[in-house]
């Protein structure tokens, strides 16, 4: 059997796959049925790990992910209502991580529905969603960064009284702005040092890859790709990948929010995470040098302090 047709199931999510066939891999790298669809695995066996690593078939991937999404949405709504911010972020990162794990297989198509739910919940419990970006994590990843940028973006949109439709679009664009990093080598993404010139050239390609992935994804509007390709462009033409100066509104806004989140959250040996006020000072320098939009920067600052 073709190993590429089977996808590993995380142990913590096995219970969500009741309605799907689950397979195990034999010593000869053959895949055989372990649990037929409709049958529930014993809780005891799951908790004690008394089963081999399990897999689903690629053909069931989207249906299984939608089933997982439904369960995660119920958990999200419950924890948002209860104000459990840490759990909200944990569940959301798990769901987004699943969706972005294989974006070229169509998994991104579940995210617009999740964004709809989050924006609706923000209108009911704004403090919970707004504070997602303040929950720190030992293991800073692209997924955590993307969720943080999305939370900051939604807060910006509500502060400026954007329509729900526009807020959904801006939030989804923020969530997917770095999706291209899934194809950047891990040793570059997680390097605990400054990147070399050649490594940085590879890193910069995530903007082009991200646009391509989004344009290929069913259920994602093509306009979302603008954020992926433009969030590192600068008004003075010093950005990448195109060095353009005619940057879209969402591209300019993402450039500010992306920079702020990365500087205040990500710790590296050669650059420690900075305090918000220090970060805003650095961004102000980029505004004075003509790289970033001053009006947007002020609106973003106001959106973060609004109660």
Protein backbone atom coordinates (compact mmCIF):
# COMPACT_ATOMS: atom_id res chain seq x y z
CA UNK A 1 0.00 0.00 0.00
CA UNK A 2 1.09 3.59 -0.68
CA UNK A 3 2.18 5.12 2.63
CA UNK A 4 1.26 8.59 1.37
CA UNK A 5 -2.41 7.53 1.40
CA UNK A 6 -2.44 7.21 5.20
CA UNK A 7 -2.23 10.01 7.76
CA UNK A 8 -1.28 9.55 11.39
CA UNK A 9 -3.93 10.27 14.03
CA UNK A 10 -2.82 12.04 17.18
CA UNK A 11 -3.40 9.98 20.33
CA UNK A 12 -5.24 12.87 21.98
CA UNK A 13 -7.76 12.97 19.13
CA UNK A 14 -8.55 9.29 18.62
CA UNK A 15 -11.99 9.68 20.22
CA UNK A 16 -13.01 12.09 17.48
CA UNK A 17 -12.63 9.40 14.78
CA UNK A 18 -15.49 7.12 15.78
CA UNK A 19 -17.17 7.42 12.36
CA UNK A 20 -14.05 6.59 10.36
CA UNK A 21 -11.98 3.53 9.61
CA UNK A 22 -8.68 3.50 11.49
CA UNK A 23 -5.66 1.55 10.27
CA UNK A 24 -2.39 0.31 11.74
CA UNK A 25 0.94 -0.27 10.02
CA UNK A 26 2.44 -3.75 10.01
CA UNK A 27 6.20 -4.44 10.33
CA UNK A 28 6.18 -4.85 6.53
CA UNK A 29 4.82 -1.31 6.12
CA UNK A 30 1.43 -2.55 5.02
CA UNK A 31 -1.72 -0.86 6.35
CA UNK A 32 -4.51 -3.01 7.76
CA UNK A 33 -7.88 -2.14 9.23
CA UNK A 34 -7.76 -1.77 13.03
CA UNK A 35 -11.16 -0.22 13.78
CA UNK A 36 -14.09 -0.06 11.35
CA UNK A 37 -16.18 3.09 11.06
CA UNK A 38 -18.86 3.34 13.75
CA UNK A 39 -17.01 1.34 16.38
CA UNK A 40 -15.65 3.12 19.46
CA UNK A 41 -12.28 2.24 20.90
CA UNK A 42 -12.13 1.41 24.59
CA UNK A 43 -11.39 4.45 26.76
CA UNK A 44 -9.11 2.30 28.89
CA UNK A 45 -7.09 1.16 25.89
CA UNK A 46 -6.78 4.76 24.69
CA UNK A 47 -5.76 6.15 28.09
CA UNK A 48 -3.23 3.39 28.67
CA UNK A 49 -1.90 3.53 25.11
CA UNK A 50 -2.75 -0.13 24.50
CA UNK A 51 -3.04 0.22 20.77
CA UNK A 52 -0.53 0.78 17.94
CA UNK A 53 -0.13 4.14 16.18
CA UNK A 54 -3.28 4.62 14.13
CA UNK A 55 -3.95 6.20 10.74
CA UNK A 56 -6.86 7.37 8.61
CA UNK A 57 -7.07 7.09 4.84
CA UNK A 58 -6.36 10.23 2.82
CA UNK A 59 -9.87 10.00 1.30
CA UNK A 60 -11.36 10.52 4.77
CA UNK A 61 -9.09 13.44 5.65
CA UNK A 62 -11.48 16.35 4.97
CA UNK A 63 -14.55 14.64 6.43
CA UNK A 64 -12.59 13.65 9.52
CA UNK A 65 -11.23 17.17 9.91
CA UNK A 66 -14.75 18.63 9.71
CA UNK A 67 -15.85 16.19 12.41
CA UNK A 68 -12.89 17.26 14.54
CA UNK A 69 -13.74 20.90 13.88
CA UNK A 70 -17.31 20.40 15.11
CA UNK A 71 -16.07 18.95 18.39
CA UNK A 72 -13.46 21.68 18.79
CA UNK A 73 -16.05 24.39 18.14
CA UNK A 74 -18.21 23.07 20.97
CA UNK A 75 -15.20 23.10 23.29
CA UNK A 76 -14.25 26.61 22.14
CA UNK A 77 -17.71 28.04 22.74
CA UNK A 78 -17.84 26.48 26.21
CA UNK A 79 -14.42 27.82 27.22
CA UNK A 80 -15.01 31.26 25.70
CA UNK A 81 -18.24 31.53 27.67
CA UNK A 82 -16.36 30.46 30.80
CA UNK A 83 -13.51 32.88 30.19
CA UNK A 84 -10.90 30.10 30.10
CA UNK A 85 -8.47 31.91 27.81
CA UNK A 86 -5.59 29.43 28.05
CA UNK A 87 -7.83 26.52 27.07
CA UNK A 88 -9.37 28.54 24.24
CA UNK A 89 -5.93 29.19 22.81
CA UNK A 90 -4.84 25.57 23.23
CA UNK A 91 -7.93 24.24 21.39
CA UNK A 92 -7.73 26.87 18.68
CA UNK A 93 -4.03 26.21 18.03
CA UNK A 94 -4.75 22.48 17.81
CA UNK A 95 -7.50 23.04 15.25
CA UNK A 96 -5.51 25.53 13.18
CA UNK A 97 -2.50 23.22 13.34
CA UNK A 98 -4.56 20.37 11.90
CA UNK A 99 -5.91 22.59 9.13
CA UNK A 100 -2.46 23.88 8.19
CA UNK A 101 -0.69 20.54 8.43
CA UNK A 102 -1.51 19.63 4.83
CA UNK A 103 -2.96 22.75 3.21
CA UNK A 104 -2.45 21.50 -0.34
CA UNK A 105 -4.82 18.59 0.39
CA UNK A 106 -7.74 20.98 0.95
CA UNK A 107 -7.62 21.18 4.74
CA UNK A 108 -7.70 25.01 4.82
CA UNK A 109 -11.32 24.97 3.69
CA UNK A 110 -12.54 24.46 7.27
CA UNK A 111 -11.02 27.73 8.54
CA UNK A 112 -13.61 30.24 7.22
CA UNK A 113 -16.27 28.53 9.35
CA UNK A 114 -14.00 28.67 12.39
CA UNK A 115 -13.39 32.37 11.73
CA UNK A 116 -17.13 32.99 11.55
CA UNK A 117 -17.54 31.36 14.95
CA UNK A 118 -14.67 33.32 16.52
CA UNK A 119 -15.90 36.68 15.25
CA UNK A 120 -19.39 35.93 16.56
CA UNK A 121 -17.96 34.92 19.93
CA UNK A 122 -15.85 38.09 20.03
CA UNK A 123 -19.02 40.16 19.79
CA UNK A 124 -20.25 38.35 22.93
CA UNK A 125 -17.00 37.99 24.89
CA UNK A 126 -14.49 40.49 23.46
CA UNK A 127 -12.01 40.24 26.35
CA UNK A 128 -11.50 36.49 25.85
CA UNK A 129 -10.56 36.61 22.16
CA UNK A 130 -8.66 39.88 22.52
CA UNK A 131 -6.44 38.44 25.24
CA UNK A 132 -5.47 35.33 23.28
CA UNK A 133 -2.29 37.04 22.09
CA UNK A 134 -1.23 37.68 25.69
CA UNK A 135 -1.13 33.98 26.60
CA UNK A 136 2.52 32.97 26.33
CA UNK A 137 3.91 29.57 25.36
CA UNK A 138 7.24 27.85 25.89
CA UNK A 139 7.18 26.49 22.35
CA UNK A 140 6.62 29.44 20.04
CA UNK A 141 5.52 28.18 16.62
CA UNK A 142 4.15 29.53 13.35
CA UNK A 143 0.69 28.37 14.46
CA UNK A 144 0.87 30.30 17.74
CA UNK A 145 2.18 33.38 15.93
CA UNK A 146 -0.65 33.14 13.38
CA UNK A 147 -3.33 32.81 16.07
CA UNK A 148 -1.84 35.78 17.95
CA UNK A 149 -1.81 37.96 14.83
CA UNK A 150 -5.40 36.92 14.10
CA UNK A 151 -6.52 37.88 17.63
CA UNK A 152 -4.85 41.28 17.36
CA UNK A 153 -6.41 41.79 13.94
CA UNK A 154 -9.92 40.97 15.14
CA UNK A 155 -9.47 43.44 17.99
CA UNK A 156 -8.39 46.09 15.48
CA UNK A 157 -11.44 45.42 13.31
CA UNK A 158 -13.90 45.68 16.19
CA UNK A 159 -12.26 48.87 17.46
CA UNK A 160 -12.73 50.42 14.03
CA UNK A 161 -16.33 49.15 13.74
CA UNK A 162 -15.73 47.01 10.68
CA UNK A 163 -18.63 44.89 9.44
CA UNK A 164 -18.72 41.23 10.46
CA UNK A 165 -17.99 40.25 6.84
CA UNK A 166 -14.91 42.49 6.70
CA UNK A 167 -13.78 41.30 10.14
CA UNK A 168 -14.06 37.68 8.98
CA UNK A 169 -11.95 38.49 5.93
CA UNK A 170 -9.29 40.42 7.84
CA UNK A 171 -9.14 37.74 10.55
CA UNK A 172 -8.77 34.89 8.05
CA UNK A 173 -6.13 36.81 6.11
CA UNK A 174 -4.19 37.33 9.33
CA UNK A 175 -4.51 33.68 10.30
CA UNK A 176 -3.13 32.52 6.94
CA UNK A 177 -0.50 35.18 6.33
CA UNK A 178 2.37 32.79 7.22
CA UNK A 179 0.91 29.56 5.84
CA UNK A 180 3.81 29.39 3.37
CA UNK A 181 6.19 28.62 6.23
CA UNK A 182 4.95 25.03 6.26
CA UNK A 183 7.29 24.43 3.30
CA UNK A 184 10.31 26.17 4.79
CA UNK A 185 12.86 23.71 6.26
CA UNK A 186 12.46 23.27 10.01
CA UNK A 187 16.12 23.95 10.68
CA UNK A 188 15.67 27.43 9.21
CA UNK A 189 12.38 28.16 10.95
CA UNK A 190 13.70 27.16 14.36
CA UNK A 191 17.31 28.30 14.01
CA UNK A 192 18.61 29.58 17.34
CA UNK A 193 20.87 32.10 15.62
CA UNK A 194 20.74 34.71 12.91
CA UNK A 195 20.08 33.25 9.48
CA UNK A 196 22.77 33.33 6.83
CA UNK A 197 22.15 35.27 3.63
CA UNK A 198 21.21 32.12 1.70
CA UNK A 199 18.96 30.88 4.52
CA UNK A 200 17.16 34.22 4.66
CA UNK A 201 16.54 34.02 0.91
CA UNK A 202 14.82 30.68 1.51
CA UNK A 203 12.84 32.13 4.43
CA UNK A 204 11.61 35.03 2.30
CA UNK A 205 10.08 32.53 -0.13
CA UNK A 206 7.32 31.79 2.41
CA UNK A 207 5.43 34.81 1.06
CA UNK A 208 5.33 33.39 -2.48
CA UNK A 209 4.56 29.87 -1.27
CA UNK A 210 1.77 31.16 0.96
CA UNK A 211 0.10 33.00 -1.91
CA UNK A 212 0.30 29.89 -4.08
CA UNK A 213 -1.20 27.65 -1.38
CA UNK A 214 -4.11 30.02 -0.73
CA UNK A 215 -4.88 30.44 -4.44
CA UNK A 216 -5.00 26.65 -4.77
CA UNK A 217 -7.27 26.15 -1.74
CA UNK A 218 -10.97 25.45 -2.17
CA UNK A 219 -13.27 27.54 -0.01
CA UNK A 220 -10.71 30.34 0.51
CA UNK A 221 -11.28 33.60 -1.39
CA UNK A 222 -8.34 34.52 -3.61
CA UNK A 223 -8.16 37.97 -2.02
CA UNK A 224 -6.87 36.34 1.20
CA UNK A 225 -3.62 35.64 -0.68
CA UNK A 226 -2.80 39.36 -0.72
CA UNK A 227 -1.91 39.23 2.97
CA UNK A 228 0.47 36.32 2.44
CA UNK A 229 2.37 38.00 -0.37
CA UNK A 230 2.47 41.58 0.97
CA UNK A 231 2.93 41.45 4.76
CA UNK A 232 6.71 41.98 4.46
CA UNK A 233 6.54 44.77 1.87
CA UNK A 234 7.48 48.32 2.94
CA UNK A 235 6.16 51.68 1.76
CA UNK A 236 9.68 52.79 0.75
CA UNK A 237 10.19 49.70 -1.44
CA UNK A 238 12.71 48.05 0.91
CA UNK A 239 10.52 45.04 1.68
CA UNK A 240 10.04 41.68 -0.01
CA UNK A 241 9.32 39.68 -2.12
CA UNK A 242 8.58 42.34 -4.74
CA UNK A 243 9.99 45.53 -3.26
CA UNK A 244 6.70 47.25 -4.15
CA UNK A 245 5.49 50.60 -2.77
CA UNK A 246 1.83 50.36 -3.81
CA UNK A 247 0.79 48.05 -0.98
CA UNK A 248 -2.81 47.04 -0.27
CA UNK A 249 -4.59 48.16 2.91
CA UNK A 250 -4.48 44.65 4.41
CA UNK A 251 -0.82 44.29 3.43
CA UNK A 252 0.14 47.51 5.23
CA UNK A 253 -1.90 46.63 8.31
CA UNK A 254 -0.52 43.09 8.54
CA UNK A 255 3.00 44.47 8.23
CA UNK A 256 2.46 46.41 11.47
CA UNK A 257 0.63 43.71 13.43
CA UNK A 258 2.95 40.92 12.29
CA UNK A 259 6.01 42.94 13.32
CA UNK A 260 4.53 43.89 16.69
CA UNK A 261 3.55 40.31 17.56
CA UNK A 262 6.89 38.80 16.56
CA UNK A 263 8.95 41.35 18.49
CA UNK A 264 6.89 41.09 21.69
CA UNK A 265 6.53 37.31 21.74
CA UNK A 266 9.39 35.48 20.06
CA UNK A 267 12.54 34.87 22.12
CA UNK A 268 15.83 34.09 20.37
CA UNK A 269 19.39 33.99 21.74
CA UNK A 270 20.36 37.01 19.63
CA UNK A 271 17.12 38.93 20.29
CA UNK A 272 15.00 38.76 23.40
CA UNK A 273 11.27 39.42 23.29
CA UNK A 274 10.66 43.11 23.87
CA UNK A 275 8.16 44.91 26.05
CA UNK A 276 5.15 46.37 24.18
CA UNK A 277 6.18 50.00 24.68
CA UNK A 278 9.73 49.31 23.49
CA UNK A 279 8.33 47.50 20.45
CA UNK A 280 6.00 50.37 19.60
CA UNK A 281 9.05 52.65 19.77
CA UNK A 282 10.90 50.48 17.24
CA UNK A 283 7.90 50.43 14.93
CA UNK A 284 7.69 54.21 15.26
CA UNK A 285 11.24 54.38 13.87
CA UNK A 286 10.10 52.44 10.80
CA UNK A 287 7.24 54.89 10.38
CA UNK A 288 9.58 57.86 10.56
CA UNK A 289 11.82 56.27 7.93
CA UNK A 290 8.85 55.81 5.62
CA UNK A 291 8.48 52.03 5.86
CA UNK A 292 5.11 51.73 7.67
CA UNK A 293 1.81 53.62 7.70
CA UNK A 294 1.52 56.10 10.60
CA UNK A 295 -2.29 56.36 10.65
CA UNK A 296 -2.72 52.58 10.79
CA UNK A 297 -0.10 52.35 13.50
CA UNK A 298 -1.99 54.82 15.69
CA UNK A 299 -5.28 52.96 15.13
CA UNK A 300 -3.59 49.69 16.07
CA UNK A 301 -2.22 51.21 19.28
CA UNK A 302 -5.65 52.51 20.23
CA UNK A 303 -7.25 49.13 19.50
CA UNK A 304 -4.94 47.39 21.99
CA UNK A 305 -5.63 49.75 24.90
CA UNK A 306 -9.39 50.07 24.39
CA UNK A 307 -11.38 48.42 27.21
